[in-house]
Amino acid sequence: MTRESMDYDVVIVGGGPAGLAAAIRLKQLAGEAGREVSVCLLEKGSEIGAHILSGAVIDPRGLAELFPDWQAKGAPLDTPVTEDRFLILTADGATRIPNVLLPRLMSNHGAYIASLGNLCRWLGARAEELGVEIYPGFAAAEVLYDERGAVVGVATGDVGIAKDGSRKAEYQQGMELRAKYTLFAEGCRGSLSQELMKRFNLRDGVDPQKYGIGLKELWQVEPSRHRAGLVAHSQGWPLDARTGGGSFMYHYGDSLVAAGFVVHLNYENPHLSPYDEFQRFKTHPAIRETFAGGKRLAYGARAISEGGLQSVPKLAFPGGALTGDAAGFLNVPRIKGTHNAIKTGMLAAESAYAALRANRAHDTLDDYDAAWRRSWVYEDLWKVRNVKPGLRWGMWAGSMHGGFHMWMNDLGLGKLVPWTLRHGKADHESLRPAAEMPRIDYPKPDGTLTFDKLSSVFLSNTNHEEDQPSHLTLGDAGIPVGVNLAIYDGPEQRYCPAGVYEFVDIDAPAGSGAKAKRLQINAQNCVHCKTCDIKDPRQNIRWVVPEGGGGPNYPGM
């Protein structure tokens, strides 16, 4: 069947800060020149902001370039940071690092604590005011190419296909959205972005992308325990010195605390569960008092790109470009990427607009690759480029090394440390056999401060049409039991923060007298964090988009 199609000047995939900034900037430039530029933005979530998850302490630098009058326009950044705290935790103690010892790059002065989801909703409204066509609930499932191999748009996924592949009564074929240029702003580990990087060899000559998993809960705490504007981070317990990661607690709004935990996905121990490490963190004597008498309002999880400068791929290819966290512009030690996402979205838009003005189409936006390297985004990542790779030496030595590099840049002496450390292997290569690593005994959740995965998934408002093909696919159905369970004790049942993967008993062949196992995939629980796509040791699990509108519906995350 021939699919219906619509034609635009620019199609944007993803309604996060990068995609929305690109859409807005295109319309701003067209308006200034009195031209018409048609822009369409697809968002797989049920609404703009539904799938957005971030801490978030937001550096407004990018927003201020997009909207110099963002405060007058009512952008939802209402809680300026008033205090920074950094703790080193042991099992029963906490040591605060004096702020004077921290590199100035780590200061959050001038930043705001906010919901990135709400900021995206606000940006979405501004985009629509400018004439951007936004289609939430439509997942871009396929890249379209012309006879020369250039990208000419995307197609949305078919709706109404049953698990067995048959068409249900409500079947609707996907639609093609064709464009002169297509910008991909899918966020971390976007499925189409991964395809494009391979097809156009965008990662040639750069390091493997590195990742972390970020878990977050939103709490309403007792007013007496709330410190509006406080930003608190920690390293150390409950993680061991070989495992990278840390916590955040941000106080903002009406007695709200955004509490979260990040685990770097190059960890070695397959017995480790990032979700349970987060729950255990909250029980620390210096932490638990914040939540006493409070109520947990929301939960979510999301992978984050941590490779930094060394891992940014070539951005442009025939007919389109990558932008935002799809390319990996997060500043890891600052735990901030929104400012860079907005700026790279704007730069991609400016490059595409210049091409449209020159009556070009479907060629490579080479000036975009050059522009980001001339921008403050490059400088932002260059200053911290050796922090993440230095953590290979453990938390203590790695943190001291990273702090030294950041101090040298703060003091204007960055040229004295010109080297750039490499990342080496990808995160899925780091797991060691389960027999070589210690087991971890996680305490049972108490239902008040700590919680199980399924009750957390309930708070994420995750929903998928159950009678549809699984969006979590296996290349080889034998690997989960034959390799992952046999060698690594089934790490997917622990690294997934939503209880998607579990090994269940099945009857073994008659006469064997033993129980066999199979991997059960509860795809309806998936919060779209992409951790399985990243951490599976044989890269056998592939995450693809489900029907549009499926997944979490985060309220104010």
Protein backbone atom coordinates (compact mmCIF):
# COMPACT_ATOMS: atom_id res chain seq x y z
CA MET A 1 0.00 0.00 0.00
CA THR A 2 1.16 3.52 -0.79
CA ARG A 3 1.40 5.58 2.37
CA GLU A 4 -0.03 9.05 2.61
CA SER A 5 2.62 11.74 2.73
CA MET A 6 3.03 15.38 3.70
CA ASP A 7 5.81 17.70 2.56
CA TYR A 8 7.66 20.25 4.68
CA ASP A 9 10.78 22.31 4.48
CA VAL A 10 12.06 20.80 7.75
CA VAL A 11 10.89 17.83 9.80
CA ILE A 12 12.15 17.50 13.38
CA VAL A 13 12.07 14.21 15.29
CA GLY A 14 11.78 14.74 19.03
CA GLY A 15 10.06 17.28 21.26
CA GLY A 16 12.80 17.84 23.81
CA PRO A 17 14.76 21.08 24.27
CA ALA A 18 16.94 20.54 21.18
CA GLY A 19 14.08 19.77 18.81
CA LEU A 20 11.88 22.57 20.09
CA ALA A 21 14.74 25.09 19.98
CA ALA A 22 15.45 24.10 16.38
CA ALA A 23 11.80 24.53 15.41
CA ILE A 24 11.52 27.89 17.14
CA ARG A 25 14.76 29.20 15.65
CA LEU A 26 13.70 28.25 12.12
CA LYS A 27 10.47 30.19 12.53
CA GLN A 28 12.25 33.15 14.11
CA LEU A 29 14.67 33.41 11.18
CA ALA A 30 11.88 33.05 8.63
CA GLY A 31 9.83 35.70 10.39
CA GLU A 32 12.73 38.15 10.49
CA ALA A 33 13.20 37.73 6.74
CA GLY A 34 9.49 37.76 5.88
CA ARG A 35 9.73 34.24 4.45
CA GLU A 36 7.61 31.14 4.90
CA VAL A 37 9.31 28.01 6.17
CA SER A 38 7.14 25.01 6.95
CA VAL A 39 8.25 23.07 10.05
CA CYS A 40 6.80 19.87 11.47
CA LEU A 41 7.83 18.32 14.79
CA LEU A 42 7.03 14.73 15.81
CA GLU A 43 6.94 13.65 19.46
CA LYS A 44 6.42 9.99 20.39
CA GLY A 45 5.08 10.87 23.84
CA SER A 46 1.39 11.52 24.36
CA GLU A 47 2.17 15.22 24.76
CA ILE A 48 5.19 17.49 24.73
CA GLY A 49 7.03 16.80 27.99
CA ALA A 50 5.50 13.37 28.62
CA HIS A 51 8.82 11.56 28.11
CA ILE A 52 11.11 14.30 29.43
CA LEU A 53 13.13 13.36 32.50
CA SER A 54 15.95 15.42 33.97
CA GLY A 55 17.18 16.57 37.38
CA ALA A 56 17.05 19.44 36.60
CA VAL A 57 19.34 22.33 37.36
CA ILE A 58 19.17 24.41 34.20
CA ASP A 59 21.82 26.80 32.96
CA PRO A 60 19.72 29.46 31.15
CA ARG A 61 22.46 30.42 28.70
CA GLY A 62 20.93 28.66 25.72
CA LEU A 63 17.39 29.76 26.59
CA ALA A 64 18.55 33.37 26.88
CA GLU A 65 19.90 33.22 23.31
CA LEU A 66 16.67 31.71 22.02
CA PHE A 67 14.43 34.12 23.96
CA PRO A 68 16.34 37.05 25.47
CA ASP A 69 13.11 38.02 27.24
CA TRP A 70 12.38 34.52 28.57
CA GLN A 71 11.58 35.80 32.05
CA ALA A 72 9.05 38.34 30.76
CA LYS A 73 7.53 35.61 28.60
CA GLY A 74 6.92 33.47 31.69
CA ALA A 75 9.36 30.60 31.20
CA PRO A 76 8.87 28.24 34.18
CA LEU A 77 12.26 28.80 35.81
CA ASP A 78 11.17 30.13 39.18
CA THR A 79 13.70 28.82 41.72
CA PRO A 80 17.22 30.23 41.40
CA VAL A 81 19.99 28.20 43.01
CA THR A 82 20.96 29.74 46.34
CA GLU A 83 23.28 27.12 47.84
CA ASP A 84 25.56 24.29 46.64
CA ARG A 85 26.47 21.34 48.85
CA PHE A 86 28.71 18.43 47.92
CA LEU A 87 28.95 15.39 50.22
CA ILE A 88 31.18 12.35 50.34
CA LEU A 89 29.19 9.51 51.90
CA THR A 90 30.37 6.46 53.79
CA ALA A 91 28.01 3.79 55.10
CA ASP A 92 27.22 5.77 58.25
CA GLY A 93 28.86 9.16 57.77
CA ALA A 94 28.96 12.21 55.52
CA THR A 95 31.72 14.73 54.89
CA ARG A 96 30.92 18.02 53.21
CA ILE A 97 33.52 19.33 50.76
CA PRO A 98 34.03 23.08 51.37
CA ASN A 99 32.76 25.01 48.38
CA VAL A 100 36.03 26.92 48.17
CA LEU A 101 37.77 23.67 47.20
CA LEU A 102 35.38 22.86 44.38
CA PRO A 103 36.24 23.99 40.83
CA ARG A 104 34.29 27.08 39.83
CA LEU A 105 32.91 25.08 36.89
CA MET A 106 30.94 23.08 39.46
CA SER A 107 29.18 26.14 40.86
CA ASN A 108 25.47 26.43 40.07
CA HIS A 109 25.34 30.18 40.62
CA GLY A 110 23.01 31.71 38.02
CA ALA A 111 21.22 28.41 37.32
CA TYR A 112 17.64 27.46 38.12
CA ILE A 113 15.99 24.38 39.59
CA ALA A 114 13.00 23.41 37.51
CA SER A 115 11.04 20.71 35.73
CA LEU A 116 12.54 20.24 32.27
CA GLY A 117 9.26 18.65 31.20
CA ASN A 118 7.40 21.84 32.08
CA LEU A 119 10.02 23.96 30.31
CA CYS A 120 9.51 21.84 27.19
CA ARG A 121 5.75 22.30 27.45
CA TRP A 122 6.35 26.05 27.58
CA LEU A 123 8.70 25.87 24.58
CA GLY A 124 6.10 23.80 22.74
CA ALA A 125 3.50 26.52 23.24
CA ARG A 126 5.95 29.15 21.95
CA ALA A 127 6.70 26.99 18.90
CA GLU A 128 3.02 26.61 18.06
CA GLU A 129 2.52 30.37 18.39
CA LEU A 130 5.18 30.77 15.70
CA GLY A 131 3.42 28.32 13.40
CA VAL A 132 5.27 25.05 14.02
CA GLU A 133 3.07 22.00 13.43
CA ILE A 134 3.53 19.71 16.44
CA TYR A 135 2.23 16.15 16.36
CA PRO A 136 2.47 14.43 19.77
CA GLY A 137 1.65 10.74 19.96
CA PHE A 138 3.31 10.00 16.61
CA ALA A 139 6.49 7.93 16.75
CA ALA A 140 8.98 8.27 13.91
CA ALA A 141 9.71 4.61 13.18
CA GLU A 142 11.53 4.69 9.84
CA VAL A 143 14.02 6.92 8.03
CA LEU A 144 13.20 7.60 4.38
CA TYR A 145 15.97 7.71 1.79
CA ASP A 146 16.03 8.73 -1.87
CA GLU A 147 17.73 6.86 -4.71
CA ARG A 148 21.05 8.54 -3.86
CA GLY A 149 20.84 7.46 -0.24
CA ALA A 150 20.08 10.92 1.15
CA VAL A 151 17.56 11.31 3.96
CA VAL A 152 14.27 12.74 2.68
CA GLY A 153 12.13 12.44 5.82
CA VAL A 154 10.66 9.87 8.19
CA ALA A 155 7.61 7.65 8.41
CA THR A 156 5.51 7.17 11.50
CA GLY A 157 4.82 3.64 12.71
CA ASP A 158 1.74 1.68 11.74
CA VAL A 159 -0.94 1.58 14.45
CA GLY A 160 -3.22 -1.33 15.17
CA ILE A 161 -0.93 -4.29 14.56
CA ALA A 162 -1.44 -7.25 16.90
CA LYS A 163 1.33 -9.22 18.62
CA ASP A 164 1.06 -11.93 15.99
CA GLY A 165 1.59 -9.38 13.21
CA SER A 166 -2.01 -9.34 12.02
CA ARG A 167 -3.93 -6.14 11.48
CA LYS A 168 -6.56 -5.30 14.05
CA ALA A 169 -9.83 -3.55 13.21
CA GLU A 170 -8.33 -0.18 14.18
CA TYR A 171 -5.30 -0.59 11.93
CA GLN A 172 -3.93 2.64 10.45
CA GLN A 173 -0.94 2.80 8.19
CA GLY A 174 1.88 5.12 9.10
CA MET A 175 2.36 8.40 7.28
CA GLU A 176 5.41 9.71 5.47
CA LEU A 177 6.63 13.17 6.42
CA ARG A 178 9.02 14.32 3.74
CA ALA A 179 11.35 17.28 4.05
CA LYS A 180 14.25 19.06 2.43
CA TYR A 181 16.08 18.58 5.73
CA THR A 182 15.31 16.30 8.69
CA LEU A 183 16.72 17.05 12.13
CA PHE A 184 16.95 14.23 14.67
CA ALA A 185 16.57 15.31 18.29
CA GLU A 186 15.53 11.98 19.80
CA GLY A 187 17.59 12.31 22.97
CA CYS A 188 19.96 9.70 24.35
CA ARG A 189 20.30 6.48 22.31
CA GLY A 190 17.58 7.37 19.82
CA SER A 191 16.80 4.36 17.64
CA LEU A 192 16.80 6.29 14.35
CA SER A 193 19.91 8.22 15.37
CA GLN A 194 21.71 4.91 15.97
CA GLU A 195 20.73 3.77 12.47
CA LEU A 196 21.96 7.00 10.91
CA MET A 197 25.31 6.88 12.70
CA LYS A 198 25.93 3.41 11.29
CA ARG A 199 24.67 4.15 7.78
CA PHE A 200 26.73 7.31 7.34
CA ASN A 201 29.72 6.23 9.48
CA LEU A 202 29.24 9.25 11.71
CA ARG A 203 31.20 7.66 14.54
CA ASP A 204 34.34 7.02 12.52
CA GLY A 205 37.33 8.45 14.37
CA VAL A 206 35.53 9.19 17.65
CA ASP A 207 35.41 7.28 20.93
CA PRO A 208 32.52 5.00 21.86
CA GLN A 209 29.65 6.83 23.46
CA LYS A 210 29.54 6.34 27.23
CA TYR A 211 26.33 6.27 29.24
CA GLY A 212 24.80 6.46 32.66
CA ILE A 213 21.36 5.64 33.97
CA GLY A 214 19.62 8.40 35.86
CA LEU A 215 16.79 7.52 38.25
CA LYS A 216 14.58 10.21 39.73
CA GLU A 217 11.80 10.59 42.26
CA LEU A 218 9.79 13.73 42.91
CA TRP A 219 8.85 14.23 46.56
CA GLN A 220 6.63 16.68 48.41
CA VAL A 221 8.45 17.11 51.71
CA GLU A 222 7.52 18.70 55.01
CA PRO A 223 7.89 22.51 54.72
CA SER A 224 10.27 22.51 57.69
CA ARG A 225 12.64 20.22 55.75
CA HIS A 226 12.51 22.24 52.52
CA ARG A 227 15.33 24.61 51.54
CA ALA A 228 14.26 26.41 48.37
CA GLY A 229 17.22 26.81 46.03
CA LEU A 230 19.42 24.15 47.66
CA VAL A 231 21.39 21.92 45.28
CA ALA A 232 23.01 18.92 46.96
CA HIS A 233 25.18 16.26 45.30
CA SER A 234 27.02 13.28 46.72
CA GLN A 235 29.54 10.62 45.77
CA GLY A 236 30.50 7.44 47.56
CA TRP A 237 28.16 5.11 49.42
CA PRO A 238 26.24 3.03 48.46
CA LEU A 239 28.51 2.56 45.41
CA ASP A 240 31.95 1.03 45.81
CA ALA A 241 35.09 2.84 44.73
CA ARG A 242 35.17 1.00 41.37
CA THR A 243 31.66 2.06 40.37
CA GLY A 244 31.03 5.59 39.12
CA GLY A 245 27.96 7.58 39.98
CA GLY A 246 26.35 9.77 42.59
CA SER A 247 23.21 11.46 43.81
CA PHE A 248 21.35 14.72 43.51
CA MET A 249 18.70 16.45 45.63
CA TYR A 250 17.22 19.71 44.38
CA HIS A 251 14.80 21.79 46.50
CA TYR A 252 12.39 23.96 44.54
CA GLY A 253 8.77 24.99 44.06
CA ASP A 254 6.12 24.26 46.68
CA SER A 255 8.11 22.06 49.07
CA LEU A 256 9.28 19.87 46.19
CA VAL A 257 12.50 17.88 46.19
CA ALA A 258 13.80 16.22 43.04
CA ALA A 259 15.86 13.29 44.32
CA GLY A 260 17.88 11.14 42.01
CA PHE A 261 20.78 8.81 41.48
CA VAL A 262 23.10 8.26 38.51
CA VAL A 263 25.10 5.07 37.91
CA HIS A 264 27.68 5.03 35.13
CA LEU A 265 26.89 2.09 32.87
CA ASN A 266 30.49 0.92 32.62
CA TYR A 267 30.10 -0.86 35.96
CA GLU A 268 31.63 -4.34 36.23
CA ASN A 269 29.49 -6.23 38.73
CA PRO A 270 26.49 -7.91 37.06
CA HIS A 271 24.84 -8.29 40.47
CA LEU A 272 24.48 -4.51 40.77
CA SER A 273 21.02 -2.97 40.44
CA PRO A 274 21.03 0.81 39.81
CA TYR A 275 17.41 1.03 40.99
CA ASP A 276 18.18 -0.64 44.32
CA GLU A 277 21.30 1.45 44.80
CA PHE A 278 19.06 4.52 44.55
CA GLN A 279 16.62 3.13 47.09
CA ARG A 280 19.48 2.26 49.44
CA PHE A 281 20.97 5.76 49.07
CA LYS A 282 17.80 7.29 50.57
CA THR A 283 18.31 5.33 53.80
CA HIS A 284 21.60 7.05 54.63
CA PRO A 285 21.44 8.88 57.99
CA ALA A 286 22.36 12.20 56.36
CA ILE A 287 19.73 11.78 53.62
CA ARG A 288 16.65 10.08 55.01
CA GLU A 289 15.64 13.00 57.25
CA THR A 290 14.80 15.06 54.15
CA PHE A 291 12.00 12.64 53.28
CA ALA A 292 10.57 12.06 56.77
CA GLY A 293 6.85 12.79 56.66
CA GLY A 294 6.98 13.45 52.93
CA LYS A 295 5.15 11.88 50.00
CA ARG A 296 6.59 10.46 46.80
CA LEU A 297 4.77 11.95 43.81
CA ALA A 298 6.50 10.60 40.70
CA TYR A 299 9.21 8.25 39.47
CA GLY A 300 11.16 7.83 36.25
CA ALA A 301 14.42 6.67 34.71
CA ARG A 302 16.42 7.62 31.64
CA ALA A 303 19.81 6.87 30.14
CA ILE A 304 22.12 9.85 29.67
CA SER A 305 25.02 10.30 27.24
CA GLU A 306 28.26 10.76 29.17
CA GLY A 307 31.02 10.47 26.56
CA GLY A 308 31.46 14.21 26.16
CA LEU A 309 33.75 15.79 23.60
CA GLN A 310 35.58 12.59 22.63
CA SER A 311 32.33 10.83 21.76
CA VAL A 312 30.47 13.47 19.74
CA PRO A 313 29.98 12.05 16.24
CA LYS A 314 29.91 13.91 12.96
CA LEU A 315 26.56 15.68 13.11
CA ALA A 316 25.55 16.26 9.49
CA PHE A 317 24.79 13.81 6.70
CA PRO A 318 22.98 14.07 3.35
CA GLY A 319 19.53 15.41 4.10
CA GLY A 320 19.76 15.94 7.84
CA ALA A 321 21.61 16.25 11.12
CA LEU A 322 21.76 15.12 14.75
CA THR A 323 21.29 17.57 17.57
CA GLY A 324 21.06 17.66 21.37
CA ASP A 325 21.60 14.51 23.40
CA ALA A 326 21.08 12.37 20.30
CA ALA A 327 24.68 13.39 19.62
CA GLY A 328 25.78 13.50 23.27
CA PHE A 329 26.28 17.09 24.43
CA LEU A 330 25.86 16.51 28.18
CA ASN A 331 28.45 18.12 30.46
CA VAL A 332 29.01 15.18 32.83
CA PRO A 333 30.54 16.79 35.96
CA ARG A 334 28.00 19.61 35.84
CA ILE A 335 25.18 17.11 35.12
CA LYS A 336 23.78 19.64 32.66
CA GLY A 337 22.90 19.37 29.01
CA THR A 338 19.82 21.52 28.44
CA HIS A 339 21.84 24.63 27.57
CA ASN A 340 23.89 22.68 25.03
CA ALA A 341 20.83 20.96 23.61
CA ILE A 342 19.10 24.29 23.01
CA LYS A 343 22.21 25.84 21.48
CA THR A 344 22.93 22.93 19.12
CA GLY A 345 19.27 22.88 18.11
CA MET A 346 19.57 26.56 17.22
CA LEU A 347 22.80 25.99 15.29
CA ALA A 348 21.22 23.15 13.30
CA ALA A 349 18.25 25.39 12.52
CA GLU A 350 20.48 28.25 11.37
CA SER A 351 22.39 25.92 9.06
CA ALA A 352 19.20 24.44 7.62
CA TYR A 353 17.66 27.87 7.14
CA ALA A 354 20.74 29.14 5.25
CA ALA A 355 20.51 26.09 2.99
CA LEU A 356 16.81 26.70 2.33
CA ARG A 357 17.50 30.32 1.43
CA ALA A 358 20.04 29.10 -1.12
CA ASN A 359 17.39 26.76 -2.57
CA ARG A 360 19.33 23.69 -1.47
CA ALA A 361 17.82 20.39 -0.36
CA HIS A 362 18.95 16.93 0.82
CA ASP A 363 22.64 17.83 0.88
CA THR A 364 25.02 17.84 3.85
CA LEU A 365 24.93 20.76 6.29
CA ASP A 366 28.68 20.87 6.72
CA ASP A 367 28.60 24.37 8.20
CA TYR A 368 26.62 22.99 11.17
CA ASP A 369 29.52 20.69 12.12
CA ALA A 370 31.85 23.66 11.85
CA ALA A 371 29.50 26.00 13.75
CA TRP A 372 29.18 23.90 16.90
CA ARG A 373 32.95 23.60 17.12
CA ARG A 374 33.22 27.40 17.02
CA SER A 375 30.52 27.83 19.65
CA TRP A 376 30.60 27.92 23.43
CA VAL A 377 29.23 24.34 23.42
CA TYR A 378 32.64 23.09 22.30
CA GLU A 379 34.36 25.14 25.00
CA ASP A 380 31.88 23.82 27.60
CA LEU A 381 32.79 20.22 26.76
CA TRP A 382 36.51 20.82 26.17
CA LYS A 383 37.04 22.06 29.72
CA VAL A 384 35.68 18.82 31.23
CA ARG A 385 36.82 16.35 28.57
CA ASN A 386 39.15 14.42 30.89
CA VAL A 387 36.77 14.04 33.85
CA LYS A 388 34.77 11.03 32.71
CA PRO A 389 37.66 8.95 31.24
CA GLY A 390 39.73 9.62 34.37
CA LEU A 391 37.18 7.77 36.49
CA ARG A 392 38.65 4.49 35.16
CA TRP A 393 41.11 4.86 38.06
CA GLY A 394 38.30 4.71 40.61
CA MET A 395 36.21 7.35 42.33
CA TRP A 396 38.95 8.89 44.48
CA ALA A 397 41.85 9.07 42.05
CA GLY A 398 39.50 9.84 39.14
CA SER A 399 37.73 12.66 41.01
CA MET A 400 41.04 14.24 42.03
CA HIS A 401 42.29 14.02 38.46
CA GLY A 402 39.08 15.57 37.10
CA GLY A 403 39.14 18.30 39.73
CA PHE A 404 42.74 19.16 38.80
CA HIS A 405 41.82 19.54 35.13
CA MET A 406 38.80 21.71 35.92
CA TRP A 407 40.84 23.92 38.27
CA MET A 408 43.48 24.41 35.60
CA ASN A 409 40.82 25.61 33.20
CA ASP A 410 39.27 27.84 35.86
CA LEU A 411 42.66 29.46 36.39
CA GLY A 412 43.20 29.97 32.68
CA LEU A 413 45.95 27.36 32.58
CA GLY A 414 44.16 24.80 30.43
CA LYS A 415 46.93 24.88 27.81
CA LEU A 416 49.24 23.27 30.37
CA VAL A 417 47.09 20.10 30.23
CA PRO A 418 46.53 19.76 26.47
CA TRP A 419 46.10 15.99 26.40
CA THR A 420 42.76 14.29 25.91
CA LEU A 421 42.16 10.91 27.54
CA ARG A 422 40.34 8.27 25.53
CA HIS A 423 37.37 6.22 26.66
CA GLY A 424 38.43 2.84 25.32
CA LYS A 425 35.77 0.16 25.33
CA ALA A 426 31.99 0.54 25.18
CA ASP A 427 29.87 0.10 28.30
CA HIS A 428 28.42 -3.26 27.27
CA GLU A 429 31.95 -4.71 27.27
CA SER A 430 32.64 -3.92 30.91
CA LEU A 431 30.62 -6.62 32.74
CA ARG A 432 32.66 -9.37 34.37
CA PRO A 433 31.37 -12.93 34.91
CA ALA A 434 29.07 -13.19 37.90
CA ALA A 435 31.25 -15.83 39.56
CA GLU A 436 34.12 -13.31 39.77
CA MET A 437 32.11 -10.56 41.45
CA PRO A 438 30.57 -10.26 44.92
CA ARG A 439 26.82 -10.59 45.31
CA ILE A 440 24.95 -7.58 46.67
CA ASP A 441 22.28 -8.09 49.33
CA TYR A 442 19.72 -5.33 48.86
CA PRO A 443 17.25 -4.71 51.71
CA LYS A 444 13.56 -5.18 51.08
CA PRO A 445 11.65 -1.92 50.45
CA ASP A 446 9.62 -0.56 53.34
CA GLY A 447 6.94 1.15 51.23
CA THR A 448 7.51 4.47 52.98
CA LEU A 449 11.01 5.58 52.06
CA THR A 450 12.04 2.78 49.73
CA PHE A 451 9.86 1.10 47.12
CA ASP A 452 9.75 -1.83 44.72
CA LYS A 453 10.03 -1.43 40.97
CA LEU A 454 6.42 -2.13 40.08
CA SER A 455 4.99 0.47 42.48
CA SER A 456 7.47 2.93 40.99
CA VAL A 457 6.43 2.10 37.42
CA PHE A 458 2.83 2.78 38.49
CA LEU A 459 3.88 6.32 39.51
CA SER A 460 5.47 6.87 36.09
CA ASN A 461 2.02 6.53 34.47
CA THR A 462 3.52 4.11 31.95
CA ASN A 463 1.08 2.58 29.52
CA HIS A 464 1.38 0.63 26.28
CA GLU A 465 -1.24 -1.02 24.12
CA GLU A 466 -0.62 -4.62 25.20
CA ASP A 467 -1.68 -6.30 21.96
CA GLN A 468 1.15 -4.97 19.79
CA PRO A 469 4.52 -6.40 18.76
CA SER A 470 7.12 -5.95 21.48
CA HIS A 471 9.31 -2.92 20.98
CA LEU A 472 12.08 -4.79 22.82
CA THR A 473 13.47 -7.23 20.28
CA LEU A 474 16.05 -10.02 20.56
CA GLY A 475 18.54 -10.75 17.81
CA ASP A 476 19.07 -14.29 19.11
CA ALA A 477 16.47 -15.78 21.46
CA GLY A 478 19.06 -18.19 22.88
CA ILE A 479 21.47 -15.57 24.23
CA PRO A 480 19.50 -14.44 27.33
CA VAL A 481 19.65 -17.89 28.92
CA GLY A 482 22.67 -19.39 27.15
CA VAL A 483 24.97 -16.41 27.73
CA ASN A 484 23.49 -13.72 29.98
CA LEU A 485 22.05 -16.05 32.61
CA ALA A 486 24.80 -18.65 32.38
CA ILE A 487 27.73 -16.24 32.58
CA TYR A 488 26.38 -13.00 34.08
CA ASP A 489 23.47 -14.27 36.22
CA GLY A 490 20.93 -12.47 34.02
CA PRO A 491 21.94 -8.81 34.50
CA GLU A 492 18.94 -7.52 32.53
CA GLN A 493 16.69 -8.36 35.48
CA ARG A 494 18.73 -5.90 37.57
CA TYR A 495 19.88 -3.11 35.25
CA CYS A 496 16.33 -2.52 34.02
CA PRO A 497 14.70 0.03 36.38
CA ALA A 498 11.14 -1.01 35.52
CA GLY A 499 10.93 -4.79 35.98
CA VAL A 500 10.69 -5.44 32.24
CA TYR A 501 13.00 -8.47 32.20
CA GLU A 502 12.61 -11.55 34.39
CA PHE A 503 13.74 -15.15 34.13
CA VAL A 504 10.91 -17.58 34.79
CA ASP A 505 10.85 -21.36 35.19
CA ILE A 506 9.72 -23.60 32.36
CA ASP A 507 9.50 -27.35 32.16
CA ALA A 508 12.78 -28.91 31.09
CA PRO A 509 12.88 -31.77 28.59
CA ALA A 510 11.17 -34.90 29.89
CA GLY A 511 13.39 -37.07 32.05
CA SER A 512 15.94 -34.37 32.85
CA GLY A 513 14.58 -33.86 36.34
CA ALA A 514 15.58 -30.19 36.21
CA LYS A 515 13.93 -26.84 35.77
CA ALA A 516 14.84 -24.69 32.81
CA LYS A 517 14.54 -20.90 32.44
CA ARG A 518 13.34 -18.50 29.82
CA LEU A 519 13.47 -14.73 29.59
CA GLN A 520 10.09 -13.05 29.94
CA ILE A 521 9.85 -9.52 28.55
CA ASN A 522 7.15 -7.38 30.18
CA ALA A 523 7.31 -4.67 27.52
CA GLN A 524 4.26 -2.88 28.90
CA ASN A 525 6.38 -1.79 31.92
CA CYS A 526 9.06 -0.09 29.80
CA VAL A 527 9.79 3.54 30.73
CA HIS A 528 11.89 4.04 27.56
CA CYS A 529 15.15 4.51 29.45
CA LYS A 530 17.15 2.57 26.76
CA THR A 531 19.46 0.97 29.36
CA CYS A 532 18.88 -2.53 27.96
CA ASP A 533 19.89 -1.36 24.48
CA ILE A 534 23.12 -0.02 25.98
CA LYS A 535 24.18 -2.52 28.67
CA ASP A 536 23.25 -5.93 27.21
CA PRO A 537 26.67 -7.65 27.05
CA ARG A 538 26.14 -9.16 23.58
CA GLN A 539 24.12 -6.20 22.21
CA ASN A 540 21.33 -8.68 21.56
CA ILE A 541 18.50 -6.45 22.82
CA ARG A 542 17.36 -3.72 20.47
CA TRP A 543 14.96 -0.98 21.54
CA VAL A 544 12.63 0.31 18.80
CA VAL A 545 9.69 2.68 19.09
CA PRO A 546 6.33 1.25 20.15
CA GLU A 547 3.05 2.71 18.98
CA GLY A 548 3.00 6.47 19.37
CA GLY A 549 1.76 7.72 22.72
CA GLY A 550 3.02 4.66 24.58
CA GLY A 551 5.44 4.79 27.47
CA PRO A 552 5.60 7.03 30.53
CA ASN A 553 3.58 10.17 31.10
CA TYR A 554 5.74 12.12 33.49
CA PRO A 555 3.98 14.86 35.45
CA GLY A 556 6.36 17.76 35.88
CA MET A 557 9.58 15.74 35.72
